[in-house]
């Protein structure tokens, strides 16, 4: 079996942050999102392939320098050009004959994959990971499965009136026959996402569902869900060269990267990620992500994301997302 991490999307719901950053490479605690996925797969000893795009190629190449992975680069640079998930997966998997474990590159889950992989090895049929989101309104955002025993008898992408709350979570184990059927699917005029492929597949093959019920799963599709996942995965870490004056306070847990200067009664935390070489003066930051080289002066930040090289003064930000290189201030 080979493992394919799908990381070729452009994450438009997280713009402007993801205009310059691939979502799988966003920080999640001291690691990136894709680090957590890689570490779940690595113990199995599978060959790992990461499918991404030309726009973020160099970023993924840097990430992969100390990883045992193969990068496959889709020749696209923007949302309008992308192949789509099924077509991209077909292009990757058509080059080998192995069974394949597929994982979405923005997937965040606390549970291990041992039971899922073991169940696939027992049945050798397409196996789809499911998670009970527990709310019918929330279920409208996802591909939703109906089970008869373990078999999926219906799978509907983003239903207006969900018939269950069992959501597909972007983890699939596909046998060789199913893998080859990806080509049949993309040759037709069909919606190019994996949820619709599953809907098409259940009319042609037995498809099984595997419900994870012993952990947490996060769909990092918007700023709120990203910040919620960050809050769970944040473990306290302050780099040795961070400068914190005696009037400022750190409330654990936070991650503060190297080269940061914090002064003049600033309060950092809880649940704050501060990127490299930021300057924070007389400011309060909690439940937020601040990227590299940001300057904050007399600013309160709560449940917000501020991209790199911004300068913000004399403001209160709540539930905000600020694109890179912005300069915003109120008054002098």
Protein backbone atom coordinates (compact mmCIF):
# COMPACT_ATOMS: atom_id res chain seq x y z
CA UNK A 1 0.00 0.00 0.00
CA UNK A 2 1.07 3.55 -0.73
CA UNK A 3 -0.20 6.68 1.02
CA UNK A 4 -1.17 9.85 -0.83
CA UNK A 5 -1.61 13.16 0.99
CA UNK A 6 -3.74 15.49 -1.12
CA UNK A 7 -2.34 19.01 -0.69
CA UNK A 8 -3.05 20.71 -4.02
CA UNK A 9 -5.97 22.97 -3.12
CA UNK A 10 -5.95 26.75 -2.76
CA UNK A 11 -8.08 27.05 0.42
CA UNK A 12 -10.15 30.02 -0.76
CA UNK A 13 -12.22 30.06 2.44
CA UNK A 14 -9.08 31.04 4.35
CA UNK A 15 -8.04 33.85 2.03
CA UNK A 16 -6.16 36.17 2.30
CA UNK A 17 -3.89 34.06 4.54
CA UNK A 18 -3.77 31.15 2.08
CA UNK A 19 -3.05 33.31 -0.93
CA UNK A 20 0.61 33.08 0.05
CA UNK A 21 0.59 29.95 2.24
CA UNK A 22 -0.56 26.41 1.53
CA UNK A 23 -3.14 25.41 4.13
CA UNK A 24 -1.40 22.10 5.00
CA UNK A 25 1.71 24.13 5.90
CA UNK A 26 -0.06 26.44 8.34
CA UNK A 27 1.22 26.14 11.91
CA UNK A 28 -0.66 23.98 14.37
CA UNK A 29 1.20 24.36 17.63
CA UNK A 30 4.94 23.87 17.02
CA UNK A 31 4.22 21.75 13.94
CA UNK A 32 2.35 22.28 10.71
CA UNK A 33 -0.97 20.65 9.81
CA UNK A 34 0.72 18.26 7.38
CA UNK A 35 3.33 17.33 10.01
CA UNK A 36 0.56 15.84 12.14
CA UNK A 37 -0.72 13.82 9.16
CA UNK A 38 2.75 12.65 8.17
CA UNK A 39 3.43 11.45 11.71
CA UNK A 40 0.19 9.42 11.70
CA UNK A 41 1.18 7.64 8.46
CA UNK A 42 4.94 7.17 8.91
CA UNK A 43 4.84 4.24 11.39
CA UNK A 44 3.10 2.02 8.80
CA UNK A 45 6.13 2.10 6.54
CA UNK A 46 4.07 3.04 3.46
CA UNK A 47 5.64 4.98 0.62
CA UNK A 48 4.24 8.49 1.10
CA UNK A 49 3.38 10.76 -1.82
CA UNK A 50 2.35 14.39 -1.37
CA UNK A 51 0.34 15.85 -4.24
CA UNK A 52 0.56 19.63 -4.40
CA UNK A 53 0.72 22.43 -6.98
CA UNK A 54 3.28 24.57 -8.73
CA UNK A 55 2.35 27.67 -6.75
CA UNK A 56 3.51 26.19 -3.43
CA UNK A 57 6.16 23.85 -4.80
CA UNK A 58 9.13 25.54 -3.12
CA UNK A 59 7.37 25.64 0.26
CA UNK A 60 6.66 21.91 0.11
CA UNK A 61 10.20 21.19 -1.06
CA UNK A 62 11.54 22.95 2.05
CA UNK A 63 9.10 21.04 4.23
CA UNK A 64 10.10 17.70 2.63
CA UNK A 65 13.86 18.15 3.10
CA UNK A 66 13.94 16.01 6.25
CA UNK A 67 10.94 13.81 5.37
CA UNK A 68 10.74 10.47 3.61
CA UNK A 69 8.22 11.58 0.98
CA UNK A 70 7.86 11.96 -2.78
CA UNK A 71 6.38 15.21 -4.09
CA UNK A 72 4.12 15.16 -7.15
CA UNK A 73 3.55 18.67 -8.53
CA UNK A 74 0.35 19.58 -10.33
CA UNK A 75 1.06 22.17 -13.04
CA UNK A 76 -1.33 24.83 -11.70
CA UNK A 77 -0.84 28.13 -9.89
CA UNK A 78 -4.38 29.29 -9.11
CA UNK A 79 -7.84 28.08 -8.15
CA UNK A 80 -9.26 28.36 -11.68
CA UNK A 81 -6.60 26.03 -13.10
CA UNK A 82 -6.62 23.24 -10.52
CA UNK A 83 -7.37 19.71 -11.67
CA UNK A 84 -9.84 18.85 -8.94
CA UNK A 85 -9.38 16.23 -6.25
CA UNK A 86 -10.43 13.14 -8.22
CA UNK A 87 -8.46 14.02 -11.33
CA UNK A 88 -5.37 14.89 -9.29
CA UNK A 89 -5.65 11.62 -7.36
CA UNK A 90 -6.09 9.68 -10.60
CA UNK A 91 -2.97 11.26 -12.10
CA UNK A 92 -0.93 10.33 -9.03
CA UNK A 93 -2.24 6.79 -8.57
CA UNK A 94 -2.21 5.82 -12.25
CA UNK A 95 1.58 5.57 -12.02
CA UNK A 96 1.51 2.59 -9.62
CA UNK A 97 -0.42 -0.66 -9.06
CA UNK A 98 -0.56 -0.61 -5.26
CA UNK A 99 -3.57 -0.13 -3.04
CA UNK A 100 -3.73 3.39 -1.70
CA UNK A 101 -4.46 5.20 1.54
CA UNK A 102 -5.67 8.72 0.70
CA UNK A 103 -5.72 11.55 3.25
CA UNK A 104 -6.72 15.17 2.70
CA UNK A 105 -3.77 17.42 3.50
CA UNK A 106 -5.81 19.75 5.73
CA UNK A 107 -7.13 16.93 7.89
CA UNK A 108 -6.68 17.24 11.64
CA UNK A 109 -7.62 14.27 13.81
CA UNK A 110 -6.52 13.01 17.20
CA UNK A 111 -7.15 9.30 16.60
CA UNK A 112 -4.67 6.83 15.15
CA UNK A 113 -5.18 4.99 11.88
CA UNK A 114 -4.29 1.44 13.00
CA UNK A 115 -7.87 0.18 13.34
CA UNK A 116 -8.86 1.77 10.04
CA UNK A 117 -5.96 0.20 8.12
CA UNK A 118 -6.47 -3.17 9.85
CA UNK A 119 -10.16 -3.18 8.88
CA UNK A 120 -9.27 -2.44 5.28
CA UNK A 121 -6.81 -5.34 5.26
CA UNK A 122 -9.62 -7.63 6.46
CA UNK A 123 -12.18 -6.65 3.81
CA UNK A 124 -10.03 -5.47 0.87
CA UNK A 125 -12.91 -3.27 -0.29
CA UNK A 126 -13.08 0.54 -0.50
CA UNK A 127 -13.25 1.88 3.05
CA UNK A 128 -14.33 5.44 3.89
CA UNK A 129 -13.57 7.13 7.21
CA UNK A 130 -16.60 8.70 8.89
CA UNK A 131 -17.06 10.89 11.96
CA UNK A 132 -20.33 11.76 13.70
CA UNK A 133 -20.48 15.57 13.79
CA UNK A 134 -23.57 15.26 15.98
CA UNK A 135 -25.55 18.13 14.50
CA UNK A 136 -27.79 18.17 11.41
CA UNK A 137 -27.14 21.84 10.61
CA UNK A 138 -23.40 21.21 10.77
CA UNK A 139 -23.81 18.08 8.64
CA UNK A 140 -24.94 20.25 5.71
CA UNK A 141 -21.30 21.31 5.23
CA UNK A 142 -20.00 17.81 4.55
CA UNK A 143 -20.44 14.63 2.54
CA UNK A 144 -22.91 12.59 4.59
CA UNK A 145 -23.18 8.78 4.67
CA UNK A 146 -26.03 6.41 5.43
CA UNK A 147 -24.91 3.00 6.67
CA UNK A 148 -26.55 -0.41 6.57
CA UNK A 149 -24.33 -2.25 9.00
CA UNK A 150 -20.87 -1.33 7.76
CA UNK A 151 -21.87 -0.77 4.13
CA UNK A 152 -22.49 2.72 2.81
CA UNK A 153 -25.83 2.74 1.01
CA UNK A 154 -25.98 6.50 0.39
CA UNK A 155 -23.42 9.27 0.28
CA UNK A 156 -24.57 12.82 -0.43
CA UNK A 157 -22.27 15.81 -0.77
CA UNK A 158 -23.41 18.83 1.31
CA UNK A 159 -27.08 17.78 1.50
CA UNK A 160 -29.73 20.43 2.10
CA UNK A 161 -31.55 18.01 4.42
CA UNK A 162 -29.02 15.53 5.85
CA UNK A 163 -30.34 12.07 6.67
CA UNK A 164 -27.58 11.41 9.19
CA UNK A 165 -24.69 13.20 10.87
CA UNK A 166 -21.97 10.77 9.72
CA UNK A 167 -19.54 12.93 7.78
CA UNK A 168 -16.82 11.77 5.42
CA UNK A 169 -13.54 13.13 6.76
CA UNK A 170 -11.15 12.85 3.83
CA UNK A 171 -9.56 9.49 4.68
CA UNK A 172 -10.00 6.63 2.17
CA UNK A 173 -8.49 3.19 1.64
CA UNK A 174 -8.91 2.06 -1.97
CA UNK A 175 -8.21 -1.35 -3.45
CA UNK A 176 -6.65 -1.66 -6.90
CA UNK A 177 -9.97 -2.07 -8.72
CA UNK A 178 -11.41 1.06 -7.13
CA UNK A 179 -8.22 3.00 -7.78
CA UNK A 180 -8.49 2.12 -11.47
CA UNK A 181 -12.12 3.30 -11.49
CA UNK A 182 -10.93 6.85 -10.78
CA UNK A 183 -10.05 7.03 -14.47
CA UNK A 184 -13.55 5.97 -15.51
CA UNK A 185 -15.00 8.66 -13.27
CA UNK A 186 -12.89 11.56 -14.53
CA UNK A 187 -13.51 10.67 -18.18
CA UNK A 188 -17.19 11.50 -17.67
CA UNK A 189 -18.65 14.97 -17.18
CA UNK A 190 -18.96 14.72 -13.42
CA UNK A 191 -18.26 16.89 -10.38
CA UNK A 192 -14.62 16.56 -9.50
CA UNK A 193 -14.57 16.00 -5.77
CA UNK A 194 -14.05 12.84 -3.78
CA UNK A 195 -17.47 12.96 -2.13
CA UNK A 196 -19.24 12.77 -5.48
CA UNK A 197 -16.88 9.99 -6.55
CA UNK A 198 -18.01 7.98 -3.51
CA UNK A 199 -21.67 8.60 -4.45
CA UNK A 200 -20.93 7.30 -7.95
CA UNK A 201 -18.92 4.35 -6.63
CA UNK A 202 -21.58 2.90 -4.32
CA UNK A 203 -23.79 2.19 -7.35
CA UNK A 204 -21.01 0.03 -8.79
CA UNK A 205 -19.20 -1.56 -5.84
CA UNK A 206 -19.63 -2.45 -2.20
CA UNK A 207 -18.27 0.48 -0.22
CA UNK A 208 -17.72 0.27 3.51
CA UNK A 209 -17.72 2.94 6.20
CA UNK A 210 -15.51 3.09 9.28
CA UNK A 211 -16.78 5.34 12.07
CA UNK A 212 -14.14 6.94 14.29
CA UNK A 213 -15.72 7.44 17.71
CA UNK A 214 -12.75 7.76 20.05
CA UNK A 215 -11.19 11.11 19.29
CA UNK A 216 -11.59 14.50 17.65
CA UNK A 217 -11.65 15.61 14.03
CA UNK A 218 -11.39 19.19 12.74
CA UNK A 219 -12.32 20.50 9.32
CA UNK A 220 -9.94 23.43 8.92
CA UNK A 221 -12.07 25.13 6.30
CA UNK A 222 -12.48 28.56 7.85
CA UNK A 223 -10.73 30.80 10.39
CA UNK A 224 -12.91 29.71 13.32
CA UNK A 225 -12.21 26.01 12.78
CA UNK A 226 -8.49 26.67 12.33
CA UNK A 227 -8.30 28.66 15.56
CA UNK A 228 -10.34 25.97 17.33
CA UNK A 229 -7.89 23.28 16.23
CA UNK A 230 -4.93 25.47 17.19
CA UNK A 231 -6.37 25.80 20.69
CA UNK A 232 -6.48 22.03 21.10
CA UNK A 233 -3.04 21.28 19.64
CA UNK A 234 -1.10 24.14 21.19
CA UNK A 235 1.56 22.96 23.64
CA UNK A 236 3.55 25.57 25.51
CA UNK A 237 6.84 26.55 23.86
CA UNK A 238 8.86 29.78 24.03
CA UNK A 239 12.09 29.97 22.05
CA UNK A 240 15.22 30.70 24.04
CA UNK A 241 16.01 33.98 22.29
CA UNK A 242 12.60 35.58 22.89
CA UNK A 243 12.92 38.92 24.73
CA UNK A 244 10.21 39.53 27.35
CA UNK A 245 10.51 42.56 29.61
CA UNK A 246 9.56 42.39 33.28
CA UNK A 247 6.33 44.32 32.83
CA UNK A 248 4.88 41.80 30.36
CA UNK A 249 3.14 38.51 31.08
CA UNK A 250 2.87 35.15 29.34
CA UNK A 251 -0.23 33.04 30.07
CA UNK A 252 0.26 29.40 29.06
CA UNK A 253 -0.11 27.74 26.67
CA UNK A 254 1.49 29.77 23.91
CA UNK A 255 3.99 29.13 21.12
CA UNK A 256 6.43 31.99 20.61
CA UNK A 257 9.00 31.50 17.86
CA UNK A 258 12.52 32.91 17.74
CA UNK A 259 13.48 36.57 17.54
CA UNK A 260 10.29 37.91 19.15
CA UNK A 261 10.38 41.02 21.36
CA UNK A 262 7.60 41.58 23.91
CA UNK A 263 7.53 44.73 26.03
CA UNK A 264 5.59 47.44 27.91
CA UNK A 265 2.94 45.49 29.81
CA UNK A 266 1.96 43.21 26.99
CA UNK A 267 -0.05 40.07 27.78
CA UNK A 268 0.42 37.05 25.51
CA UNK A 269 -1.97 34.12 25.87
CA UNK A 270 -3.56 31.92 26.55
CA UNK A 271 -3.74 30.10 23.19
CA UNK A 272 -1.58 32.39 21.08
CA UNK A 273 0.85 31.50 18.33
CA UNK A 274 3.49 34.19 17.65
CA UNK A 275 5.69 33.78 14.56
CA UNK A 276 9.34 34.72 14.16
CA UNK A 277 10.76 38.23 14.64
CA UNK A 278 7.54 39.89 15.78
CA UNK A 279 7.58 43.06 17.88
CA UNK A 280 4.78 43.36 20.41
CA UNK A 281 4.45 46.47 22.55
CA UNK A 282 1.69 47.33 25.04
CA UNK A 283 -0.58 44.77 23.40
CA UNK A 284 -2.78 41.83 24.46
CA UNK A 285 -3.05 38.69 22.30
CA UNK A 286 -5.11 35.57 22.97
CA UNK A 287 -6.81 32.81 20.94
CA UNK A 288 -4.99 34.09 17.86
CA UNK A 289 -2.33 33.30 15.28
CA UNK A 290 0.27 35.96 14.43
CA UNK A 291 2.62 35.17 11.55
CA UNK A 292 6.24 36.27 11.10
CA UNK A 293 7.56 39.84 11.36
CA UNK A 294 4.36 41.44 12.61
CA UNK A 295 4.52 44.67 14.62
CA UNK A 296 1.74 45.30 17.15
CA UNK A 297 1.59 48.42 19.28
CA UNK A 298 -1.25 49.25 21.69
CA UNK A 299 -3.40 46.60 20.08
CA UNK A 300 -5.75 43.96 21.52
CA UNK A 301 -6.15 40.82 19.44
CA UNK A 302 -8.68 38.06 20.16
CA UNK A 303 -9.69 35.11 17.95
CA UNK A 304 -7.94 36.64 14.96
CA UNK A 305 -5.30 35.75 12.37
CA UNK A 306 -2.70 38.31 11.27
CA UNK A 307 -0.51 37.46 8.29
CA UNK A 308 3.18 38.23 7.97
CA UNK A 309 4.81 41.68 7.94
CA UNK A 310 1.76 43.59 9.11
CA UNK A 311 1.99 46.69 11.31
CA UNK A 312 -1.02 47.44 13.48
CA UNK A 313 -1.38 50.22 16.08
CA UNK A 314 -4.07 51.44 18.48
CA UNK A 315 -6.75 48.89 17.52
CA UNK A 316 -8.94 46.17 18.99
CA UNK A 317 -9.31 43.18 16.69
CA UNK A 318 -11.89 40.46 17.35
CA UNK A 319 -12.76 37.71 14.88
CA UNK A 320 -10.58 39.33 12.21
CA UNK A 321 -8.32 38.01 9.48
CA UNK A 322 -5.69 40.46 8.20
CA UNK A 323 -3.77 39.86 4.97
CA UNK A 324 0.00 40.18 4.71
CA UNK A 325 1.90 43.51 4.64
CA UNK A 326 -1.11 45.49 5.89
CA UNK A 327 -0.51 48.71 7.83
CA UNK A 328 -3.46 49.75 9.99
CA UNK A 329 -3.66 52.27 12.78
CA UNK A 330 -6.17 54.43 14.58
CA UNK A 331 -5.06 57.87 15.68
CA UNK A 332 -1.41 58.73 16.35
